[in-house]
C-alpha atoms as a PDB file:
ATOM      1  CA  MET A   1      -0.061  -0.251   0.041  1.00  0.00           C
ATOM      2  CA  ASP A   2       1.330   3.664  -1.165  1.00  0.00           C
ATOM      3  CA  LYS A   3       2.413   5.655   1.968  1.00  0.00           C
ATOM      4  CA  ILE A   4      -0.123   8.821   2.716  1.00  0.00           C
ATOM      5  CA  PHE A   5       0.833  11.897   3.773  1.00  0.00           C
ATOM      6  CA  GLU A   6      -1.739  13.658   6.048  1.00  0.00           C
ATOM      7  CA  CYS A   7      -1.424  17.317   7.144  1.00  0.00           C
ATOM      8  CA  SER A   8      -0.798  18.507  10.757  1.00  0.00           C
ATOM      9  CA  LEU A   9      -2.994  21.357  11.303  1.00  0.00           C
ATOM     10  CA  CYS A  10      -6.039  20.131   9.394  1.00  0.00           C
ATOM     11  CA  GLY A  11      -6.089  16.519   8.687  1.00  0.00           C
ATOM     12  CA  LYS A  12      -6.110  16.376   4.891  1.00  0.00           C
ATOM     13  CA  GLN A  13      -4.427  13.164   3.341  1.00  0.00           C
ATOM     14  CA  CYS A  14      -2.341  13.066  -0.235  1.00  0.00           C
ATOM     15  CA  ILE A  15      -1.236  10.115  -1.962  1.00  0.00           C
ATOM     16  CA  LYS A  16       2.112  12.173  -3.007  1.00  0.00           C
ATOM     17  CA  LYS A  17       4.354  14.208  -1.298  1.00  0.00           C
ATOM     18  CA  LYS A  18       4.358  17.129  -3.502  1.00  0.00           C
ATOM     19  CA  ASP A  19       0.591  17.400  -3.262  1.00  0.00           C
ATOM     20  CA  MET A  20       0.633  18.208   0.384  1.00  0.00           C
ATOM     21  CA  LYS A  21       3.643  20.307   0.033  1.00  0.00           C
ATOM     22  CA  GLN A  22       1.426  22.557  -1.890  1.00  0.00           C
ATOM     23  CA  HIS A  23      -1.562  22.085   0.279  1.00  0.00           C
ATOM     24  CA  MET A  24       0.083  23.009   3.204  1.00  0.00           C
ATOM     25  CA  VAL A  25       0.814  26.434   1.362  1.00  0.00           C
ATOM     26  CA  VAL A  26      -3.195  27.127   2.566  1.00  0.00           C
ATOM     27  CA  HIS A  27      -2.124  27.289   6.159  1.00  0.00           C
ATOM     28  CA  GLN A  28       0.785  29.823   5.532  1.00  0.00           C
ATOM     29  CA  ASP A  29       0.219  33.863   5.009  1.00  0.00           C
ATOM     30  CA  GLU A  30       2.961  34.175   2.126  1.00  0.00           C
ATOM     31  CA  ARG A  31       0.867  34.854  -1.013  1.00  0.00           C
ATOM     32  CA  PRO A  32       4.025  34.897  -4.118  1.00  0.00           C
ATOM     33  CA  TYR A  33       1.665  35.767  -6.880  1.00  0.00           C
ATOM     34  CA  SER A  34       0.269  39.499  -7.204  1.00  0.00           C
ATOM     35  CA  CYS A  35      -2.032  41.206  -9.678  1.00  0.00           C
ATOM     36  CA  GLU A  36      -0.611  43.733 -11.492  1.00  0.00           C
ATOM     37  CA  ILE A  37      -3.480  45.417 -11.850  1.00  0.00           C
ATOM     38  CA  CYS A  38      -5.348  45.605  -8.601  1.00  0.00           C
ATOM     39  CA  ASN A  39      -2.237  44.490  -6.445  1.00  0.00           C
ATOM     40  CA  PHE A  40      -4.260  41.316  -4.578  1.00  0.00           C
ATOM     41  CA  SER A  41      -2.341  38.533  -4.274  1.00  0.00           C
ATOM     42  CA  PHE A  42      -2.452  34.516  -4.627  1.00  0.00           C
ATOM     43  CA  LYS A  43      -0.962  31.363  -2.886  1.00  0.00           C
ATOM     44  CA  ARG A  44      -0.987  29.604  -6.626  1.00  0.00           C
ATOM     45  CA  LYS A  45      -0.828  30.828  -9.861  1.00  0.00           C
ATOM     46  CA  TRP A  46      -3.630  29.574 -11.148  1.00  0.00           C
ATOM     47  CA  GLN A  47      -5.366  31.497  -9.000  1.00  0.00           C
ATOM     48  CA  LEU A  48      -4.204  34.573 -10.063  1.00  0.00           C
ATOM     49  CA  THR A  49      -4.026  33.643 -13.735  1.00  0.00           C
ATOM     50  CA  LYS A  50      -8.248  32.469 -12.878  1.00  0.00           C
ATOM     51  CA  HIS A  51      -8.353  36.075 -11.213  1.00  0.00           C
ATOM     52  CA  ASN A  52      -7.041  38.004 -14.167  1.00  0.00           C
ATOM     53  CA  GLU A  53      -9.452  36.231 -16.549  1.00  0.00           C
ATOM     54  CA  LYS A  54     -12.882  36.653 -14.263  1.00  0.00           C
ATOM     55  CA  VAL A  55     -11.907  40.189 -12.785  1.00  0.00           C
ATOM     56  CA  HIS A  56      -9.840  42.014 -15.037  1.00  0.00           C
ATOM     57  CA  LYS A  57     -10.734  40.204 -18.326  1.00  0.00           C
ATOM     58  CA  LYS A  58      -7.726  39.463 -19.068  1.00  0.00           C
ATOM     59  CA  ARG A  59      -5.623  36.360 -20.674  1.00  0.00           C
ATOM     60  CA  VAL A  60      -1.995  35.990 -19.379  1.00  0.00           C
ATOM     61  CA  LEU A  61      -0.132  35.356 -22.449  1.00  0.00           C
ATOM     62  CA  LYS A  62       3.670  33.760 -22.977  1.00  0.00           C
ATOM     63  CA  LYS A  63       5.776  36.983 -23.357  1.00  0.00           C
ATOM     64  CA  VAL A  64       7.753  36.913 -26.565  1.00  0.00           C
ATOM     65  CA  VAL A  65      10.693  38.551 -27.120  1.00  0.00           C
ATOM     66  CA  CYS A  66      12.985  40.069 -30.368  1.00  0.00           C
ATOM     67  CA  LYS A  67      16.343  38.889 -30.625  1.00  0.00           C
ATOM     68  CA  VAL A  68      17.688  41.930 -32.147  1.00  0.00           C
ATOM     69  CA  CYS A  69      16.841  45.136 -29.720  1.00  0.00           C
ATOM     70  CA  GLY A  70      15.172  43.073 -26.884  1.00  0.00           C
ATOM     71  CA  TRP A  71      11.290  44.319 -26.776  1.00  0.00           C
ATOM     72  CA  VAL A  72       8.643  42.063 -25.053  1.00  0.00           C
ATOM     73  CA  GLY A  73       5.350  41.591 -26.257  1.00  0.00           C
ATOM     74  CA  GLU A  74       2.517  39.454 -25.504  1.00  0.00           C
ATOM     75  CA  SER A  75       2.101  37.408 -28.921  1.00  0.00           C
ATOM     76  CA  ASN A  76       3.866  36.525 -32.231  1.00  0.00           C
ATOM     77  CA  LYS A  77       1.729  38.456 -34.060  1.00  0.00           C
ATOM     78  CA  LEU A  78       3.112  41.857 -32.599  1.00  0.00           C
ATOM     79  CA  LEU A  79       6.392  40.117 -32.693  1.00  0.00           C
ATOM     80  CA  ILE A  80       6.179  40.288 -36.399  1.00  0.00           C
ATOM     81  CA  ASP A  81       4.796  43.687 -36.382  1.00  0.00           C
ATOM     82  CA  HIS A  82       7.135  45.151 -34.182  1.00  0.00           C
ATOM     83  CA  LYS A  83      10.301  43.713 -36.139  1.00  0.00           C
ATOM     84  CA  LYS A  84       9.016  45.615 -39.206  1.00  0.00           C
ATOM     85  CA  ASN A  85      10.019  48.622 -37.522  1.00  0.00           C
ATOM     86  CA  CYS A  86      12.834  47.339 -35.249  1.00  0.00           C
ATOM     87  CA  VAL A  87      15.368  50.651 -35.056  1.00  0.00           C
ATOM     88  CA  THR A  88      17.861  48.192 -35.145  1.00  0.00           C
ATOM     89  CA  ASN A  89      17.583  46.585 -38.188  1.00  0.00           C
ATOM     90  CA  LEU A  90      20.248  48.705 -39.621  1.00  0.00           C
ATOM     91  CA  PHE A  91      20.452  46.825 -43.335  1.00  0.00           C
ATOM     92  CA  GLN A  92      17.234  47.361 -45.044  1.00  0.00           C
ATOM     93  CA  CYS A  93      16.716  46.916 -49.379  1.00  0.00           C
ATOM     94  CA  ASP A  94      16.504  50.564 -51.111  1.00  0.00           C
ATOM     95  CA  ILE A  95      14.139  49.208 -53.427  1.00  0.00           C
ATOM     96  CA  CYS A  96      11.670  46.954 -50.966  1.00  0.00           C
ATOM     97  CA  LYS A  97      12.305  47.976 -48.330  1.00  0.00           C
ATOM     98  CA  LYS A  98      13.188  44.787 -46.823  1.00  0.00           C
ATOM     99  CA  GLN A  99      15.285  44.606 -43.861  1.00  0.00           C
ATOM    100  CA  PHE A 100      17.600  42.128 -42.480  1.00  0.00           C
ATOM    101  CA  ASP A 101      19.918  41.725 -39.407  1.00  0.00           C
ATOM    102  CA  VAL A 102      23.006  40.638 -41.365  1.00  0.00           C
ATOM    103  CA  LYS A 103      24.481  42.535 -43.882  1.00  0.00           C
ATOM    104  CA  TYR A 104      25.176  39.536 -45.931  1.00  0.00           C
ATOM    105  CA  TRP A 105      21.540  38.061 -46.185  1.00  0.00           C
ATOM    106  CA  LEU A 106      20.503  41.801 -47.861  1.00  0.00           C
ATOM    107  CA  GLU A 107      23.798  41.670 -50.427  1.00  0.00           C
ATOM    108  CA  TYR A 108      22.315  38.166 -51.218  1.00  0.00           C
ATOM    109  CA  HIS A 109      18.672  39.363 -51.104  1.00  0.00           C
ATOM    110  CA  MET A 110      19.982  42.031 -53.905  1.00  0.00           C
ATOM    111  CA  MET A 111      21.781  39.359 -55.602  1.00  0.00           C
ATOM    112  CA  THR A 112      18.796  37.162 -56.170  1.00  0.00           C
ATOM    113  CA  VAL A 113      16.188  39.380 -55.978  1.00  0.00           C
ATOM    114  CA  HIS A 114      16.750  42.842 -57.328  1.00  0.00           C
ATOM    115  CA  SER A 115      19.894  41.935 -59.569  1.00  0.00           C
ATOM    116  CA  SER A 116      20.471  40.254 -63.276  1.00  0.00           C
ATOM    117  CA  GLU A 117      23.611  39.372 -62.403  1.00  0.00           C
ATOM    118  CA  ARG A 118      24.174  35.715 -63.166  1.00  0.00           C
ATOM    119  CA  PRO A 119      27.902  35.383 -61.857  1.00  0.00           C
ATOM    120  CA  PHE A 120      28.194  31.279 -62.174  1.00  0.00           C
ATOM    121  CA  PRO A 121      28.465  30.264 -65.754  1.00  0.00           C
ATOM    122  CA  CYS A 122      28.047  26.383 -66.901  1.00  0.00           C
ATOM    123  CA  ASP A 123      31.607  24.873 -67.744  1.00  0.00           C
ATOM    124  CA  ILE A 124      30.049  23.435 -71.099  1.00  0.00           C
ATOM    125  CA  CYS A 125      27.834  25.942 -72.599  1.00  0.00           C
ATOM    126  CA  GLY A 126      28.721  29.021 -71.048  1.00  0.00           C
ATOM    127  CA  ALA A 127      24.872  29.814 -69.712  1.00  0.00           C
ATOM    128  CA  CYS A 128      25.064  32.005 -66.901  1.00  0.00           C
ATOM    129  CA  PHE A 129      23.167  31.489 -63.249  1.00  0.00           C
ATOM    130  CA  LYS A 130      22.073  33.600 -60.078  1.00  0.00           C
ATOM    131  CA  HIS A 131      22.966  30.485 -57.791  1.00  0.00           C
ATOM    132  CA  LYS A 132      25.858  27.834 -58.010  1.00  0.00           C
ATOM    133  CA  ARG A 133      23.280  24.689 -57.173  1.00  0.00           C
ATOM    134  CA  ASN A 134      21.575  26.072 -60.521  1.00  0.00           C
ATOM    135  CA  VAL A 135      24.257  25.474 -62.323  1.00  0.00           C
ATOM    136  CA  VAL A 136      24.730  21.833 -60.933  1.00  0.00           C
ATOM    137  CA  ALA A 137      21.222  21.068 -61.940  1.00  0.00           C
ATOM    138  CA  HIS A 138      21.809  22.629 -64.927  1.00  0.00           C
ATOM    139  CA  ILE A 139      24.566  20.132 -65.686  1.00  0.00           C
ATOM    140  CA  GLN A 140      22.835  17.130 -64.955  1.00  0.00           C
ATOM    141  CA  SER A 141      19.969  17.562 -66.610  1.00  0.00           C
ATOM    142  CA  VAL A 142      20.707  18.990 -70.097  1.00  0.00           C
ATOM    143  CA  HIS A 143      24.578  18.032 -70.167  1.00  0.00           C
ATOM    144  CA  LYS A 144      23.992  14.591 -68.773  1.00  0.00           C
ATOM    145  CA  GLY A 145      27.555  12.010 -69.055  1.00  0.00           C
ATOM    146  CA  GLN A 146      29.288  15.118 -70.816  1.00  0.00           C
ATOM    147  CA  LYS A 147      32.498  16.822 -69.524  1.00  0.00           C
ATOM    148  CA  PRO A 148      33.456  20.033 -69.049  1.00  0.00           C
ATOM    149  CA  VAL A 149      35.614  22.016 -71.572  1.00  0.00           C
ATOM    150  CA  LYS A 150      38.859  22.302 -70.254  1.00  0.00           C
ATOM    151  CA  LYS A 151      39.811  26.317 -69.726  1.00  0.00           C
ATOM    152  CA  VAL A 152      42.780  27.805 -71.577  1.00  0.00           C
ATOM    153  CA  SER A 153      44.885  30.276 -69.530  1.00  0.00           C
ATOM    154  CA  ASN A 154      45.289  33.684 -71.111  1.00  0.00           C
ATOM    155  CA  PRO A 155      46.992  35.464 -69.069  1.00  0.00           C
ATOM    156  CA  ASP A 156      48.117  38.134 -71.632  1.00  0.00           C
ATOM    157  CA  LYS A 157      44.413  38.942 -71.736  1.00  0.00           C
ATOM    158  CA  ILE A 158      44.740  37.906 -75.600  1.00  0.00           C
ATOM    159  CA  PRO A 159      41.353  37.688 -77.357  1.00  0.00           C
ATOM    160  CA  LEU A 160      40.459  34.114 -78.006  1.00  0.00           C
ATOM    161  CA  CYS A 161      37.836  34.170 -80.647  1.00  0.00           C
ATOM    162  CA  GLN A 162      35.498  36.824 -82.297  1.00  0.00           C
ATOM    163  CA  CYS A 163      31.739  36.948 -82.961  1.00  0.00           C
ATOM    164  CA  GLU A 164      31.141  36.742 -86.847  1.00  0.00           C
ATOM    165  CA  ILE A 165      28.083  38.687 -86.524  1.00  0.00           C
ATOM    166  CA  CYS A 166      28.846  41.776 -84.830  1.00  0.00           C
ATOM    167  CA  GLY A 167      33.184  41.579 -84.858  1.00  0.00           C
ATOM    168  CA  LYS A 168      32.827  41.740 -80.859  1.00  0.00           C
ATOM    169  CA  SER A 169      35.968  40.033 -78.957  1.00  0.00           C
ATOM    170  CA  PHE A 170      36.376  37.864 -76.150  1.00  0.00           C
ATOM    171  CA  TYR A 171      38.648  36.786 -73.740  1.00  0.00           C
ATOM    172  CA  SER A 172      37.123  33.319 -73.192  1.00  0.00           C
ATOM    173  CA  ARG A 173      34.892  30.761 -75.222  1.00  0.00           C
ATOM    174  CA  PHE A 174      32.112  30.680 -72.303  1.00  0.00           C
ATOM    175  CA  GLY A 175      31.575  34.816 -72.945  1.00  0.00           C
ATOM    176  CA  TYR A 176      31.470  33.965 -76.188  1.00  0.00           C
ATOM    177  CA  SER A 177      28.535  31.288 -76.078  1.00  0.00           C
ATOM    178  CA  SER A 178      27.215  33.587 -73.700  1.00  0.00           C
ATOM    179  CA  HIS A 179      26.935  36.675 -75.916  1.00  0.00           C
ATOM    180  CA  ILE A 180      25.518  34.578 -78.726  1.00  0.00           C
ATOM    181  CA  LYS A 181      22.823  33.103 -76.906  1.00  0.00           C
ATOM    182  CA  LYS A 182      22.236  36.730 -75.436  1.00  0.00           C
ATOM    183  CA  ILE A 183      22.239  39.102 -77.959  1.00  0.00           C
ATOM    184  CA  HIS A 184      21.826  37.287 -81.019  1.00  0.00           C
ATOM    185  CA  GLY A 185      19.733  34.587 -80.241  1.00  0.00           C
ATOM    186  CA  ASP A 186      19.840  30.902 -80.190  1.00  0.00           C
ATOM    187  CA  GLY A 187      17.426  29.686 -82.898  1.00  0.00           C
ATOM    188  CA  LYS A 188      14.518  28.909 -80.511  1.00  0.00           C
ATOM    189  CA  PRO A 189      11.444  29.855 -81.190  1.00  0.00           C
ATOM    190  CA  MET A 190       9.797  33.219 -79.103  1.00  0.00           C
ATOM    191  CA  CYS A 191       6.606  33.390 -77.086  1.00  0.00           C
ATOM    192  CA  PRO A 192       5.207  36.870 -78.756  1.00  0.00           C
ATOM    193  CA  ILE A 193       3.462  36.966 -75.730  1.00  0.00           C
ATOM    194  CA  CYS A 194       5.653  36.405 -72.738  1.00  0.00           C
ATOM    195  CA  GLY A 195       8.900  36.510 -74.522  1.00  0.00           C
ATOM    196  CA  LYS A 196       9.839  32.549 -73.148  1.00  0.00           C
ATOM    197  CA  LYS A 197      11.644  30.426 -75.726  1.00  0.00           C
ATOM    198  CA  VAL A 198      10.922  26.944 -76.357  1.00  0.00           C
ATOM    199  CA  SER A 199      12.941  23.746 -78.177  1.00  0.00           C
ATOM    200  CA  CYS A 200      10.678  23.951 -81.391  1.00  0.00           C
ATOM    201  CA  LYS A 201       7.923  25.102 -82.992  1.00  0.00           C
ATOM    202  CA  LYS A 202       5.426  22.266 -82.307  1.00  0.00           C
ATOM    203  CA  GLY A 203       6.709  23.242 -78.307  1.00  0.00           C
ATOM    204  CA  LEU A 204       5.748  27.136 -79.063  1.00  0.00           C
ATOM    205  CA  THR A 205       2.127  26.125 -80.493  1.00  0.00           C
ATOM    206  CA  ILE A 206       1.558  23.699 -77.235  1.00  0.00           C
ATOM    207  CA  HIS A 207       2.795  27.112 -74.770  1.00  0.00           C
ATOM    208  CA  LEU A 208       0.179  29.379 -76.942  1.00  0.00           C
ATOM    209  CA  ASN A 209      -2.314  27.442 -75.530  1.00  0.00           C
ATOM    210  CA  THR A 210      -1.549  28.142 -71.991  1.00  0.00           C
ATOM    211  CA  HIS A 211      -1.618  31.800 -73.217  1.00  0.00           C
ATOM    212  CA  THR A 212      -5.212  31.198 -74.931  1.00  0.00           C
ATOM    213  CA  GLY A 213      -6.980  29.248 -72.871  1.00  0.00           C
ATOM    214  CA  GLU A 214      -7.564  26.827 -75.925  1.00  0.00           C
ATOM    215  CA  LYS A 215      -7.879  22.690 -75.445  1.00  0.00           C
ATOM    216  CA  PRO A 216      -8.561  21.743 -79.190  1.00  0.00           C
ATOM    217  CA  TYR A 217      -8.279  17.499 -78.708  1.00  0.00           C
ATOM    218  CA  CYS A 218     -11.097  16.675 -76.696  1.00  0.00           C
ATOM    219  CA  CYS A 219     -12.230  13.261 -75.154  1.00  0.00           C
ATOM    220  CA  GLU A 220     -14.746  11.675 -77.563  1.00  0.00           C
ATOM    221  CA  ILE A 221     -16.179   9.360 -73.757  1.00  0.00           C
ATOM    222  CA  CYS A 222     -16.793  12.114 -71.246  1.00  0.00           C
ATOM    223  CA  GLY A 223     -15.798  15.348 -73.009  1.00  0.00           C
ATOM    224  CA  ARG A 224     -12.771  16.403 -71.442  1.00  0.00           C
ATOM    225  CA  SER A 225     -10.403  18.900 -73.274  1.00  0.00           C
ATOM    226  CA  PHE A 226      -6.561  18.808 -74.091  1.00  0.00           C
ATOM    227  CA  THR A 227      -3.764  21.250 -74.934  1.00  0.00           C
ATOM    228  CA  THR A 228      -2.153  18.624 -77.019  1.00  0.00           C
ATOM    229  CA  LYS A 229      -2.932  15.261 -78.597  1.00  0.00           C
ATOM    230  CA  ASP A 230      -0.388  13.215 -76.471  1.00  0.00           C
ATOM    231  CA  TYR A 231      -1.965  14.427 -73.521  1.00  0.00           C
ATOM    232  CA  LEU A 232      -5.187  13.141 -75.044  1.00  0.00           C
ATOM    233  CA  LYS A 233      -4.188  10.091 -75.662  1.00  0.00           C
ATOM    234  CA  ILE A 234      -2.571   9.273 -71.742  1.00  0.00           C
ATOM    235  CA  HIS A 235      -5.992  10.624 -70.449  1.00  0.00           C
ATOM    236  CA  ALA A 236      -7.975   7.935 -72.982  1.00  0.00           C
ATOM    237  CA  ARG A 237      -6.351   4.746 -71.198  1.00  0.00           C
ATOM    238  CA  ILE A 238      -8.277   5.705 -68.181  1.00  0.00           C
ATOM    239  CA  HIS A 239     -11.369   4.598 -70.393  1.00  0.00           C
ATOM    240  CA  THR A 240      -9.396   1.620 -71.926  1.00  0.00           C
ATOM    241  CA  GLY A 241      -7.555   0.799 -69.731  1.00  0.00           C
ATOM    242  CA  GLU A 242      -4.712   0.253 -71.608  1.00  0.00           C
ATOM    243  CA  SER A 243      -1.129  -0.103 -69.819  1.00  0.00           C
ATOM    244  CA  PRO A 244       1.435   0.200 -71.997  1.00  0.00           C
ATOM    245  CA  TYR A 245       4.294   0.544 -69.651  1.00  0.00           C
ATOM    246  CA  LYS A 246       5.381  -2.882 -68.428  1.00  0.00           C
ATOM    247  CA  CYS A 247       8.058  -3.618 -65.556  1.00  0.00           C
ATOM    248  CA  HIS A 248      10.605  -5.633 -66.811  1.00  0.00           C
ATOM    249  CA  VAL A 249      11.235  -6.968 -63.361  1.00  0.00           C
ATOM    250  CA  CYS A 250       7.474  -8.020 -62.150  1.00  0.00           C
ATOM    251  CA  PRO A 251       4.360  -8.357 -63.607  1.00  0.00           C
ATOM    252  CA  LYS A 252       3.171  -5.285 -62.726  1.00  0.00           C
ATOM    253  CA  SER A 253       2.138  -2.409 -65.585  1.00  0.00           C
ATOM    254  CA  PHE A 254       1.137   1.348 -65.748  1.00  0.00           C
ATOM    255  CA  LYS A 255      -0.143   3.897 -67.694  1.00  0.00           C
ATOM    256  CA  GLN A 256       2.358   6.267 -68.015  1.00  0.00           C
ATOM    257  CA  LYS A 257       5.978   6.085 -68.196  1.00  0.00           C
ATOM    258  CA  GLY A 258       6.814   8.533 -65.309  1.00  0.00           C
ATOM    259  CA  SER A 259       4.643   6.041 -63.123  1.00  0.00           C
ATOM    260  CA  LEU A 260       6.815   3.573 -64.211  1.00  0.00           C
ATOM    261  CA  ASN A 261       9.691   4.966 -63.369  1.00  0.00           C
ATOM    262  CA  GLY A 262       7.974   6.059 -60.171  1.00  0.00           C
ATOM    263  CA  HIS A 263       7.515   2.024 -59.708  1.00  0.00           C
ATOM    264  CA  TYR A 264      11.472   1.274 -60.312  1.00  0.00           C
ATOM    265  CA  ARG A 265      13.038   4.050 -57.871  1.00  0.00           C
ATOM    266  CA  THR A 266      10.934   2.611 -55.323  1.00  0.00           C
ATOM    267  CA  ASN A 267      10.909  -1.215 -55.571  1.00  0.00           C
ATOM    268  CA  HIS A 268      13.603  -2.091 -57.800  1.00  0.00           C
ATOM    269  CA  PRO A 269      16.447   0.788 -57.121  1.00  0.00           C
ATOM    270  CA  GLY A 270      19.554   0.571 -59.292  1.00  0.00           C
ATOM    271  CA  LEU A 271      17.758   0.292 -62.923  1.00  0.00           C
ATOM    272  CA  PRO A 272      18.100   2.651 -65.554  1.00  0.00           C
ATOM    273  CA  PRO A 273      14.741   5.152 -66.027  1.00  0.00           C
ATOM    274  CA  VAL A 274      12.629   3.949 -68.824  1.00  0.00           C
ATOM    275  CA  SER A 275      14.195   5.905 -71.653  1.00  0.00           C
ATOM    276  CA  GLU A 276      17.384   3.635 -71.156  1.00  0.00           C
ATOM    277  CA  LEU A 277      15.695   0.584 -71.248  1.00  0.00           C
ATOM    278  CA  LYS A 278      15.868  -1.680 -74.174  1.00  0.00           C
ATOM    279  CA  THR A 279      12.346  -2.947 -75.415  1.00  0.00           C
END
């Protein structure tokens, strides 16, 4: 049987020692919890909380502190509002007025949001990017398996190549390649509405449908429309039950190539994607 703790003053019994200690406060004159509004004191914190909610209709909130200037508030919303005008946020963007605690983040913000500068070039084709991670992603998706062109040392700054169209000279093949694409175009069709370039004329036709909303290919069974014939063909498999993409390892088959590749990644890791498999 558990030990019973009994109050020597009133006879109240408690199972736990800490409960008895809390009870003994009843017999003491000390009231450590005072109301900031009316100075009424309480022996327990929950009594003060109840008093504030009932008498002063004030809910006690957890304090939040600004790590920059030490400002103290009663809600995260107030803290967010405070940060917008915090006087110690010294680094402010002159363009959009956004503020930063550290100068590095302001410089990073300026380069990625407001600057057209692209300081990271691709060593294969010369395309430039704002972030190094974008270069890595570009090489993996566009130049998979290709090796970078070996850079030529040119300490004397002698022009290595010249643009055949405008005659401008360049000290590197990367600069020349970037110039051709940026100034003279790359031969790819351009959208007359948004300026986006696509790989071929068919791609431009499909892209233009995103602006016009036109969906000329209609399903004869359910009436749903699509921007391309290929999308309609994929959709039709819902009605026909056709699953042309078959797994080479197990009996499963799929309606779309992407679904089969996802199946390989999940169930048969290590196998090449569908486009690399011999059928």
